[in-house]
């Protein structure tokens, strides 16, 4: 599996979080990796500037992100909405109170937990701030653009 993910640390973290959250086997996850359509993954990786991520023509961060995001969309629409919103602002020090609907309710807290459990965001409890990794931020923006959900 590490070879499939080109040993990319963020891709490994995203894959491991998904496997843990969804209680999947490595074999099942490898099947999910193989099912992803190359042209979609390439589009999601469009603005990545670091050529090391393209080792072997693969886009491991976009691939692992897409697998996780599909699951998030299927099971927690508010978490997907939060991530989409965060992709439209700066990726660091996002106050939870800035999320849609203001201070998160119980449902909002669950959405944040979901994103955190998939390692899509990092929640800093001491400051009630959220961070999104630069490549997750870019991939999400590219997905929004591809879905025509991002203003031009």
Foldseek 3Di string as FASTA:
>chain_A
DCVLLVVDVLLVLLLVLCCVVVVHDPVVVVVQLVPDDLVLLCLLCVPPDDCSCCVVHDNRNLSSLVVLLVVCVVPQVLLLQQLLVCLVDDQWFAACQPGPPGNDDPSRVVSVVSCVSSVQWPADVVRNGIGGPPSSSSSSVSVCVVVVNDDD
